[in-house]
Amino acid sequence: FSHAPLATAVRNAGHQVLMGGIEWVLPNIASVGLAPVKISPVSMEEVSAFMGAMPEDPLDQLKAVGRVY
């Protein structure tokens, strides 16, 4: 998660930090020590249908994820 270092720094500065995500990424959010909050009932299948197949090339992966945002 590109947001994790910033969120951790803000939390370490004394702020309450929650990170929202869809259900299947909540364990990943918790694994970096942040409080996960489910923000949508969207399933992995729905995300995959929207994004299509994930490219193999790392640079193309970054571009594909960026299009989702």
C-alpha atoms as a PDB file:
ATOM      1  CA  PHE A   1       0.000   0.000   0.000  1.00  0.00           C
ATOM      2  CA  SER A   2       1.454   3.319  -1.000  1.00  0.00           C
ATOM      3  CA  HIS A   3      -0.623   5.003   1.720  1.00  0.00           C
ATOM      4  CA  ALA A   4       0.680   2.892   4.620  1.00  0.00           C
ATOM      5  CA  PRO A   5       3.849   4.891   5.450  1.00  0.00           C
ATOM      6  CA  LEU A   6       1.947   8.186   5.534  1.00  0.00           C
ATOM      7  CA  ALA A   7      -0.908   6.705   7.564  1.00  0.00           C
ATOM      8  CA  THR A   8       1.577   5.173  10.009  1.00  0.00           C
ATOM      9  CA  ALA A   9       3.448   8.472  10.420  1.00  0.00           C
ATOM     10  CA  VAL A  10       0.192  10.331  11.063  1.00  0.00           C
ATOM     11  CA  ARG A  11      -0.858   7.695  13.618  1.00  0.00           C
ATOM     12  CA  ASN A  12       2.560   7.850  15.287  1.00  0.00           C
ATOM     13  CA  ALA A  13       2.105  11.631  15.567  1.00  0.00           C
ATOM     14  CA  GLY A  14      -0.920  10.963  17.785  1.00  0.00           C
ATOM     15  CA  HIS A  15      -3.819  11.000  15.334  1.00  0.00           C
ATOM     16  CA  GLN A  16      -6.466   8.319  14.996  1.00  0.00           C
ATOM     17  CA  VAL A  17      -6.112   6.680  11.585  1.00  0.00           C
ATOM     18  CA  LEU A  18      -8.557   4.334   9.886  1.00  0.00           C
ATOM     19  CA  MET A  19      -7.955   2.935   6.411  1.00  0.00           C
ATOM     20  CA  GLY A  20     -10.931   2.030   4.283  1.00  0.00           C
ATOM     21  CA  GLY A  21     -11.017  -0.767   1.777  1.00  0.00           C
ATOM     22  CA  ILE A  22     -13.139  -3.439   0.229  1.00  0.00           C
ATOM     23  CA  GLU A  23     -13.568  -6.636   2.210  1.00  0.00           C
ATOM     24  CA  TRP A  24     -10.860  -8.730   0.567  1.00  0.00           C
ATOM     25  CA  VAL A  25      -8.102  -6.167   1.299  1.00  0.00           C
ATOM     26  CA  LEU A  26      -8.963  -5.657   4.986  1.00  0.00           C
ATOM     27  CA  PRO A  27      -6.515  -8.366   6.163  1.00  0.00           C
ATOM     28  CA  ASN A  28      -3.744  -6.653   4.192  1.00  0.00           C
ATOM     29  CA  ILE A  29      -4.530  -3.312   5.829  1.00  0.00           C
ATOM     30  CA  ALA A  30      -4.467  -4.914   9.278  1.00  0.00           C
ATOM     31  CA  SER A  31      -1.184  -6.673   8.460  1.00  0.00           C
ATOM     32  CA  VAL A  32       0.612  -3.309   8.231  1.00  0.00           C
ATOM     33  CA  GLY A  33      -0.725  -2.288  11.645  1.00  0.00           C
ATOM     34  CA  LEU A  34      -3.559  -0.001  10.570  1.00  0.00           C
ATOM     35  CA  ALA A  35      -7.217  -0.190  11.572  1.00  0.00           C
ATOM     36  CA  PRO A  36      -9.236  -1.470   8.577  1.00  0.00           C
ATOM     37  CA  VAL A  37     -12.774  -0.283   7.828  1.00  0.00           C
ATOM     38  CA  LYS A  38     -14.995  -1.946   5.214  1.00  0.00           C
ATOM     39  CA  ILE A  39     -16.269   0.786   2.893  1.00  0.00           C
ATOM     40  CA  SER A  40     -18.049  -1.193   0.185  1.00  0.00           C
ATOM     41  CA  PRO A  41     -19.680  -4.568  -0.366  1.00  0.00           C
ATOM     42  CA  VAL A  42     -17.839  -4.926  -3.708  1.00  0.00           C
ATOM     43  CA  SER A  43     -16.439  -8.425  -4.196  1.00  0.00           C
ATOM     44  CA  MET A  44     -13.120  -9.490  -5.687  1.00  0.00           C
ATOM     45  CA  GLU A  45     -15.023 -10.841  -8.683  1.00  0.00           C
ATOM     46  CA  GLU A  46     -16.619  -7.437  -9.338  1.00  0.00           C
ATOM     47  CA  VAL A  47     -13.252  -5.691  -9.123  1.00  0.00           C
ATOM     48  CA  SER A  48     -11.682  -8.248 -11.449  1.00  0.00           C
ATOM     49  CA  ALA A  49     -14.500  -7.818 -13.968  1.00  0.00           C
ATOM     50  CA  PHE A  50     -13.990  -4.043 -13.893  1.00  0.00           C
ATOM     51  CA  MET A  51     -10.200  -4.157 -14.154  1.00  0.00           C
ATOM     52  CA  GLY A  52      -9.850  -7.104 -16.489  1.00  0.00           C
ATOM     53  CA  ALA A  53      -6.795  -9.333 -16.390  1.00  0.00           C
ATOM     54  CA  MET A  54      -3.847  -7.969 -14.410  1.00  0.00           C
ATOM     55  CA  PRO A  55      -0.832  -7.393 -16.669  1.00  0.00           C
ATOM     56  CA  GLU A  56       2.382  -9.326 -16.000  1.00  0.00           C
ATOM     57  CA  ASP A  57       4.729  -6.352 -16.418  1.00  0.00           C
ATOM     58  CA  PRO A  58       5.171  -4.410 -13.121  1.00  0.00           C
ATOM     59  CA  LEU A  59       4.933  -1.005 -14.833  1.00  0.00           C
ATOM     60  CA  ASP A  60       1.748  -2.050 -16.621  1.00  0.00           C
ATOM     61  CA  GLN A  61       0.387  -3.307 -13.266  1.00  0.00           C
ATOM     62  CA  LEU A  62       0.930   0.140 -11.731  1.00  0.00           C
ATOM     63  CA  LYS A  63      -0.888   1.765 -14.628  1.00  0.00           C
ATOM     64  CA  ALA A  64      -3.794  -0.697 -14.362  1.00  0.00           C
ATOM     65  CA  VAL A  65      -4.199  -0.083 -10.629  1.00  0.00           C
ATOM     66  CA  GLY A  66      -3.964   3.673 -11.198  1.00  0.00           C
ATOM     67  CA  ARG A  67      -6.856   3.529 -13.654  1.00  0.00           C
ATOM     68  CA  VAL A  68      -9.051   2.068 -10.909  1.00  0.00           C
ATOM     69  CA  TYR A  69      -8.426   5.108  -8.730  1.00  0.00           C
END
